[in-house]
Protein backbone atom coordinates (compact mmCIF):
# COMPACT_ATOMS: atom_id res chain seq x y z
CA MET A 1 22.83 48.01 -19.86
CA ASN A 2 23.30 44.33 -20.72
CA LYS A 3 25.35 43.86 -17.66
CA ILE A 4 22.79 45.28 -15.27
CA LEU A 5 19.96 43.16 -17.09
CA SER A 6 22.29 40.00 -16.95
CA CYS A 7 23.15 40.70 -13.01
CA PHE A 8 18.89 41.25 -12.38
CA VAL A 9 18.33 37.77 -13.92
CA VAL A 10 21.04 36.35 -11.77
CA LEU A 11 20.10 38.04 -8.74
CA SER A 12 16.25 37.09 -9.46
CA VAL A 13 16.79 33.57 -10.00
CA ALA A 14 18.62 33.08 -7.11
CA ALA A 15 16.35 34.83 -4.85
CA CYS A 16 13.65 32.48 -6.01
CA LEU A 17 15.54 29.31 -5.88
CA SER A 18 16.96 30.32 -2.11
CA SER A 19 13.31 30.95 -1.08
CA PRO A 20 11.37 28.47 1.17
CA GLU A 21 8.43 28.17 -1.22
CA MET A 22 10.96 27.00 -4.30
CA LEU A 23 12.90 24.43 -1.92
CA SER A 24 12.01 21.20 -2.87
CA ALA A 25 9.71 20.25 -0.57
CA GLU A 26 9.61 16.98 1.25
CA THR A 27 5.89 15.20 -0.46
CA LYS A 28 4.75 11.84 0.23
CA GLU A 29 6.18 10.25 -2.65
CA SER A 30 9.55 11.24 -2.12
CA VAL A 31 9.22 10.31 1.86
CA ALA A 32 8.05 6.44 0.53
CA PHE A 33 11.08 6.89 -1.89
CA ASP A 34 13.25 7.17 0.79
CA LYS A 35 12.03 4.11 2.85
CA LEU A 36 12.39 1.83 -0.74
CA ARG A 37 15.80 3.05 -1.13
CA ALA A 38 16.43 2.03 2.60
CA LEU A 39 15.50 -1.45 1.60
CA ASN A 40 18.90 -1.96 -0.12
CA GLY A 41 20.48 -5.73 0.73
CA ASP A 42 19.05 -8.73 0.83
CA TRP A 43 16.27 -10.30 2.24
CA GLN A 44 14.42 -13.67 2.93
CA GLY A 45 10.72 -15.04 3.50
CA THR A 46 7.88 -16.74 2.27
CA VAL A 47 5.15 -16.42 -0.90
CA ALA A 48 1.96 -17.58 -0.77
CA TRP A 49 -0.93 -17.57 -3.46
CA THR A 50 -4.28 -16.84 -2.29
CA GLY A 51 -5.36 -20.43 -0.45
CA GLN A 52 -2.20 -21.69 -1.10
CA GLN A 53 0.70 -22.82 1.14
CA PRO A 54 3.51 -20.17 1.71
CA THR A 55 7.10 -21.50 0.19
CA ASP A 56 10.48 -19.64 0.28
CA ILE A 57 11.80 -16.85 -1.48
CA SER A 58 14.71 -14.38 -1.25
CA ALA A 59 15.10 -10.71 -2.39
CA ARG A 60 17.35 -8.30 -3.39
CA TYR A 61 16.94 -4.61 -3.23
CA TYR A 62 19.71 -2.17 -4.89
CA VAL A 63 19.93 1.66 -5.84
CA THR A 64 21.21 2.63 -8.85
CA GLY A 65 21.05 5.34 -11.56
CA ASN A 66 22.90 7.72 -9.11
CA GLY A 67 20.08 7.35 -6.66
CA SER A 68 16.99 7.97 -8.93
CA ALA A 69 15.77 4.21 -8.87
CA VAL A 70 15.27 1.04 -6.42
CA VAL A 71 15.79 -2.24 -8.16
CA GLU A 72 13.60 -5.60 -6.63
CA ASP A 73 14.96 -8.55 -7.65
CA LEU A 74 12.84 -11.68 -6.73
CA SER A 75 14.22 -15.10 -6.49
CA ASN A 76 10.54 -16.20 -8.02
CA GLY A 77 12.25 -14.63 -11.67
CA MET A 78 10.57 -11.21 -10.82
CA THR A 79 11.99 -7.67 -11.03
CA SER A 80 10.00 -4.53 -10.13
CA VAL A 81 11.92 -1.27 -10.19
CA TYR A 82 10.75 1.71 -8.26
CA HIS A 83 11.16 5.76 -9.46
CA LEU A 84 9.99 9.24 -8.89
CA ASP A 85 8.35 10.52 -11.92
CA GLY A 86 8.40 14.18 -11.40
CA ALA A 87 5.88 14.27 -8.50
CA ASP A 88 4.71 10.57 -9.00
CA LEU A 89 6.40 7.21 -7.63
CA ARG A 90 6.09 4.57 -10.17
CA MET A 91 6.81 1.12 -10.34
CA THR A 92 7.54 -1.13 -13.41
CA HIS A 93 6.84 -5.19 -12.93
CA TYR A 94 8.93 -7.39 -14.89
CA CYS A 95 6.25 -10.50 -14.47
CA ALA A 96 7.22 -14.02 -14.65
CA ALA A 97 3.72 -13.56 -16.85
CA GLN A 98 6.45 -11.76 -19.62
CA ASN A 99 4.33 -8.54 -19.45
CA GLN A 100 5.64 -5.26 -17.94
CA PRO A 101 2.63 -3.88 -16.03
CA ARG A 102 3.18 -0.10 -14.73
CA LEU A 103 1.91 1.43 -11.94
CA LYS A 104 1.64 4.56 -10.13
CA ALA A 105 1.70 4.99 -6.16
CA THR A 106 -1.55 6.20 -5.12
CA ALA A 107 -2.19 5.99 -1.37
CA PHE A 108 0.00 6.32 1.65
CA GLY A 109 -0.12 5.72 4.96
CA PRO A 110 1.01 7.45 7.79
CA ASP A 111 4.97 8.75 7.43
CA GLY A 112 4.88 6.40 4.26
CA SER A 113 4.08 3.22 6.30
CA ASP A 114 2.23 1.69 3.36
CA ILE A 115 1.85 2.39 -0.26
CA THR A 116 -0.86 1.57 -2.80
CA PHE A 117 0.21 0.98 -6.36
CA SER A 118 -2.34 1.10 -9.13
CA PHE A 119 -2.40 -0.27 -12.48
CA VAL A 120 -1.62 2.56 -15.14
CA ASP A 121 -0.98 0.52 -18.43
CA ILE A 122 1.11 -2.39 -19.69
CA THR A 123 3.52 -3.82 -22.38
CA ASN A 124 3.34 -7.22 -24.15
CA LEU A 125 0.03 -8.21 -22.74
CA SER A 126 -0.81 -11.00 -24.97
CA SER A 127 -4.74 -10.38 -24.31
CA PRO A 128 -7.10 -8.61 -22.16
CA LYS A 129 -7.30 -11.98 -20.55
CA ALA A 130 -3.94 -13.10 -19.97
CA GLY A 131 -2.52 -12.68 -16.45
CA HIS A 132 -1.00 -9.79 -15.12
CA VAL A 133 0.02 -8.05 -12.17
CA GLN A 134 -3.13 -5.32 -11.59
CA GLY A 135 -1.82 -3.64 -7.98
CA LEU A 136 0.59 -3.49 -5.38
CA ASP A 137 0.31 -3.10 -1.75
CA LEU A 138 3.90 -2.43 -0.36
CA LYS A 139 3.93 -2.37 3.83
CA PHE A 140 6.88 -1.45 5.74
CA LEU A 141 5.88 -3.35 9.11
CA ALA A 142 9.79 -2.07 10.88
CA ALA A 143 12.90 -1.55 9.24
CA ASP A 144 13.91 -5.24 8.66
CA HIS A 145 9.95 -6.53 7.60
CA ILE A 146 7.81 -5.76 4.47
CA THR A 147 5.10 -7.24 2.95
CA LEU A 148 4.06 -7.04 -0.53
CA GLN A 149 0.67 -8.15 -1.69
CA PHE A 150 0.70 -8.68 -5.48
CA HIS A 151 -3.18 -7.87 -7.27
CA PHE A 152 -2.86 -10.78 -10.25
CA ALA A 153 -5.69 -10.31 -12.81
CA SER A 154 -6.49 -13.26 -15.11
CA ASN A 155 -9.54 -14.34 -17.13
CA GLY A 156 -11.55 -12.05 -14.82
CA THR A 157 -10.28 -13.71 -11.96
CA VAL A 158 -8.26 -11.18 -9.43
CA ARG A 159 -5.62 -13.20 -6.96
CA ASP A 160 -3.40 -12.56 -4.42
CA GLU A 161 0.51 -13.11 -4.15
CA LEU A 162 1.58 -12.58 -0.60
CA LEU A 163 5.35 -12.51 0.15
CA ASP A 164 6.92 -11.71 3.57
CA LEU A 165 10.03 -10.34 3.91
CA ARG A 166 12.83 -9.68 6.40
CA ARG A 167 16.20 -8.18 6.15
CA LYS A 168 19.26 -10.75 6.39
CA LYS A 169 21.24 -10.28 9.06
């Protein structure tokens, strides 16, 4: 009887896993994460705060954790890590302000052409008025051209930091 029950369980699990409903469906989060993985490599461009002149910046993107995370290292001393958390696309930003805002993707453009990340929580915030990233808009303009617009809150004021990056040839 145990052999029959064991065979039934194995066959039932196999049938469920092979059914189209149980296969991993492509979601807007997974499509966006695939686009982030494709950023792998070295980038250069400009960075400008609201109302200021752009200056040069470089970036390096690489995939780590057996494909489960994308690291973004910016030459201005900041790093962000993007990853899927179940069905959610998440990002932790290691800021030059020495805190770590955690964000979640909340809106997506068609075919993952842009991603809006919204604030979830933060570690190491010295005070509620201390400067920190509260959002990010990432736009895929072409395979070799992206922009990142960080929304930075400090003392009740929000300023934007716009990075315009192109893949190094």
